[in-house]
Amino acid sequence: MNWDRVEGNWKQLKGNVKEQWGKLTDDDLDVIAGRRDQLEGRLQERYGYAKDKAKQEVDTWFSSRNWN
């Protein structure tokens, strides 16, 4: 599964992302617009994560999704 699926379904996934990372604002989610690099960057800003930690968080979230 590749990240294109997230970008294509971003409107549906925004609620799940907000549930996972409650510090992200609606404006953050609009800016992210399904782009992984933007999500990782916003997690670094809002949570103070290092780059590796943000990547790990996104990887964990992505792999936990049921993409069927």
N, C-alpha and C. Protein backbone atom coordinates (compact mmCIF):
# COMPACT_ATOMS: atom_id res chain seq x y z
N MET A 1 0.84 -1.18 0.00
CA MET A 1 0.00 0.00 0.00
C MET A 1 0.88 1.24 0.00
N ASN A 2 0.53 2.19 -0.82
CA ASN A 2 1.34 3.40 -0.85
C ASN A 2 0.55 4.61 -0.33
N TRP A 3 1.27 5.67 -0.14
CA TRP A 3 0.69 6.86 0.49
C TRP A 3 -0.34 7.53 -0.41
N ASP A 4 -0.35 7.25 -1.70
CA ASP A 4 -1.34 7.85 -2.61
C ASP A 4 -2.76 7.58 -2.15
N ARG A 5 -2.96 6.46 -1.50
CA ARG A 5 -4.29 6.10 -1.00
C ARG A 5 -4.74 7.09 0.08
N VAL A 6 -3.80 7.52 0.91
CA VAL A 6 -4.12 8.50 1.95
C VAL A 6 -4.49 9.83 1.29
N GLU A 7 -3.68 10.27 0.34
CA GLU A 7 -3.97 11.54 -0.34
C GLU A 7 -5.34 11.51 -1.00
N GLY A 8 -5.67 10.40 -1.64
CA GLY A 8 -6.94 10.28 -2.34
C GLY A 8 -8.14 10.23 -1.41
N ASN A 9 -7.94 9.79 -0.19
CA ASN A 9 -9.04 9.65 0.78
C ASN A 9 -8.91 10.63 1.94
N TRP A 10 -8.17 11.71 1.74
CA TRP A 10 -7.86 12.61 2.85
C TRP A 10 -9.10 13.15 3.55
N LYS A 11 -10.12 13.53 2.79
CA LYS A 11 -11.32 14.09 3.43
C LYS A 11 -11.94 13.10 4.40
N GLN A 12 -11.95 11.83 4.04
CA GLN A 12 -12.51 10.81 4.91
C GLN A 12 -11.57 10.50 6.08
N LEU A 13 -10.28 10.66 5.89
CA LEU A 13 -9.30 10.30 6.91
C LEU A 13 -9.02 11.41 7.91
N LYS A 14 -9.42 12.63 7.60
CA LYS A 14 -9.11 13.76 8.47
C LYS A 14 -9.61 13.52 9.90
N GLY A 15 -10.79 12.96 10.04
CA GLY A 15 -11.32 12.69 11.38
C GLY A 15 -10.46 11.69 12.13
N ASN A 16 -9.99 10.67 11.44
CA ASN A 16 -9.14 9.68 12.07
C ASN A 16 -7.81 10.27 12.47
N VAL A 17 -7.26 11.13 11.63
CA VAL A 17 -5.99 11.79 11.93
C VAL A 17 -6.17 12.70 13.15
N LYS A 18 -7.26 13.43 13.19
CA LYS A 18 -7.54 14.34 14.31
C LYS A 18 -7.72 13.54 15.61
N GLU A 19 -8.34 12.38 15.50
CA GLU A 19 -8.51 11.50 16.67
C GLU A 19 -7.15 10.99 17.16
N GLN A 20 -6.28 10.66 16.24
CA GLN A 20 -4.95 10.13 16.57
C GLN A 20 -4.06 11.22 17.16
N TRP A 21 -4.11 12.40 16.56
CA TRP A 21 -3.25 13.51 16.97
C TRP A 21 -4.12 14.73 17.23
N GLY A 22 -4.68 14.80 18.41
CA GLY A 22 -5.65 15.83 18.77
C GLY A 22 -5.12 17.25 18.78
N LYS A 23 -3.82 17.42 18.82
CA LYS A 23 -3.25 18.78 18.81
C LYS A 23 -3.27 19.41 17.42
N LEU A 24 -3.52 18.61 16.40
CA LEU A 24 -3.59 19.16 15.05
C LEU A 24 -4.92 19.89 14.88
N THR A 25 -4.85 21.10 14.36
CA THR A 25 -6.05 21.90 14.16
C THR A 25 -6.67 21.59 12.80
N ASP A 26 -7.89 22.08 12.60
CA ASP A 26 -8.53 21.91 11.30
C ASP A 26 -7.71 22.61 10.22
N ASP A 27 -7.13 23.75 10.57
CA ASP A 27 -6.27 24.45 9.61
C ASP A 27 -5.05 23.60 9.26
N ASP A 28 -4.46 22.94 10.27
CA ASP A 28 -3.34 22.03 10.01
C ASP A 28 -3.75 20.96 9.02
N LEU A 29 -4.91 20.37 9.25
CA LEU A 29 -5.37 19.28 8.39
C LEU A 29 -5.60 19.76 6.97
N ASP A 30 -6.09 21.00 6.82
CA ASP A 30 -6.27 21.55 5.48
C ASP A 30 -4.93 21.76 4.79
N VAL A 31 -3.94 22.24 5.52
CA VAL A 31 -2.61 22.46 4.95
C VAL A 31 -1.95 21.12 4.59
N ILE A 32 -2.10 20.14 5.46
CA ILE A 32 -1.51 18.82 5.22
C ILE A 32 -2.06 18.21 3.93
N ALA A 33 -3.36 18.25 3.77
CA ALA A 33 -4.04 17.80 2.54
C ALA A 33 -3.56 16.43 2.07
N GLY A 34 -3.27 15.55 3.01
CA GLY A 34 -2.89 14.19 2.65
C GLY A 34 -1.43 13.99 2.34
N ARG A 35 -0.63 15.04 2.42
CA ARG A 35 0.80 14.92 2.09
C ARG A 35 1.57 14.48 3.32
N ARG A 36 2.27 13.39 3.17
CA ARG A 36 3.00 12.80 4.29
C ARG A 36 4.03 13.76 4.89
N ASP A 37 4.79 14.44 4.04
CA ASP A 37 5.81 15.34 4.56
C ASP A 37 5.20 16.46 5.39
N GLN A 38 4.05 16.94 4.96
CA GLN A 38 3.36 17.99 5.71
C GLN A 38 2.85 17.46 7.05
N LEU A 39 2.32 16.23 7.06
CA LEU A 39 1.85 15.63 8.31
C LEU A 39 3.00 15.47 9.28
N GLU A 40 4.11 14.93 8.80
CA GLU A 40 5.27 14.76 9.68
C GLU A 40 5.76 16.11 10.22
N GLY A 41 5.78 17.12 9.36
CA GLY A 41 6.22 18.44 9.78
C GLY A 41 5.30 19.04 10.84
N ARG A 42 4.01 18.88 10.67
CA ARG A 42 3.06 19.41 11.66
C ARG A 42 3.16 18.66 12.98
N LEU A 43 3.42 17.37 12.92
CA LEU A 43 3.61 16.60 14.16
C LEU A 43 4.86 17.09 14.89
N GLN A 44 5.90 17.41 14.14
CA GLN A 44 7.11 17.96 14.76
C GLN A 44 6.79 19.28 15.45
N GLU A 45 6.03 20.13 14.80
CA GLU A 45 5.68 21.43 15.37
C GLU A 45 4.79 21.31 16.59
N ARG A 46 3.71 20.56 16.47
CA ARG A 46 2.70 20.51 17.53
C ARG A 46 3.12 19.66 18.73
N TYR A 47 3.87 18.60 18.47
CA TYR A 47 4.23 17.67 19.54
C TYR A 47 5.69 17.75 19.95
N GLY A 48 6.47 18.51 19.22
CA GLY A 48 7.89 18.62 19.53
C GLY A 48 8.68 17.36 19.20
N TYR A 49 8.15 16.57 18.28
CA TYR A 49 8.82 15.33 17.88
C TYR A 49 10.07 15.64 17.06
N ALA A 50 11.06 14.79 17.21
CA ALA A 50 12.19 14.79 16.29
C ALA A 50 11.69 14.23 14.96
N LYS A 51 12.44 14.47 13.90
CA LYS A 51 12.04 14.01 12.57
C LYS A 51 11.80 12.50 12.55
N ASP A 52 12.70 11.73 13.15
CA ASP A 52 12.55 10.27 13.17
C ASP A 52 11.31 9.83 13.93
N LYS A 53 11.01 10.51 15.03
CA LYS A 53 9.83 10.17 15.84
C LYS A 53 8.56 10.46 15.05
N ALA A 54 8.51 11.59 14.35
CA ALA A 54 7.34 11.92 13.54
C ALA A 54 7.14 10.88 12.44
N LYS A 55 8.23 10.47 11.79
CA LYS A 55 8.14 9.45 10.74
C LYS A 55 7.62 8.14 11.32
N GLN A 56 8.13 7.76 12.48
CA GLN A 56 7.69 6.53 13.14
C GLN A 56 6.21 6.58 13.49
N GLU A 57 5.75 7.71 14.01
CA GLU A 57 4.34 7.88 14.35
C GLU A 57 3.46 7.70 13.11
N VAL A 58 3.85 8.33 12.02
CA VAL A 58 3.07 8.24 10.79
C VAL A 58 3.11 6.81 10.25
N ASP A 59 4.26 6.17 10.27
CA ASP A 59 4.37 4.77 9.83
C ASP A 59 3.44 3.86 10.64
N THR A 60 3.44 4.05 11.94
CA THR A 60 2.60 3.23 12.82
C THR A 60 1.13 3.45 12.51
N TRP A 61 0.73 4.71 12.37
CA TRP A 61 -0.66 5.03 12.05
C TRP A 61 -1.04 4.42 10.70
N PHE A 62 -0.16 4.61 9.71
CA PHE A 62 -0.45 4.12 8.35
C PHE A 62 -0.60 2.60 8.34
N SER A 63 0.29 1.91 9.02
CA SER A 63 0.24 0.44 9.00
C SER A 63 -0.93 -0.10 9.81
N SER A 64 -1.47 0.68 10.72
CA SER A 64 -2.59 0.20 11.54
C SER A 64 -3.94 0.37 10.86
N ARG A 65 -3.98 1.10 9.77
CA ARG A 65 -5.23 1.34 9.05
C ARG A 65 -5.66 0.07 8.30
N ASN A 66 -6.95 -0.17 8.29
CA ASN A 66 -7.50 -1.26 7.49
C ASN A 66 -7.83 -0.68 6.12
N TRP A 67 -7.02 -0.97 5.12
CA TRP A 67 -7.15 -0.35 3.81
C TRP A 67 -8.04 -1.14 2.86
N ASN A 68 -8.82 -2.03 3.37
CA ASN A 68 -9.73 -2.82 2.50
C ASN A 68 -11.02 -2.09 2.25
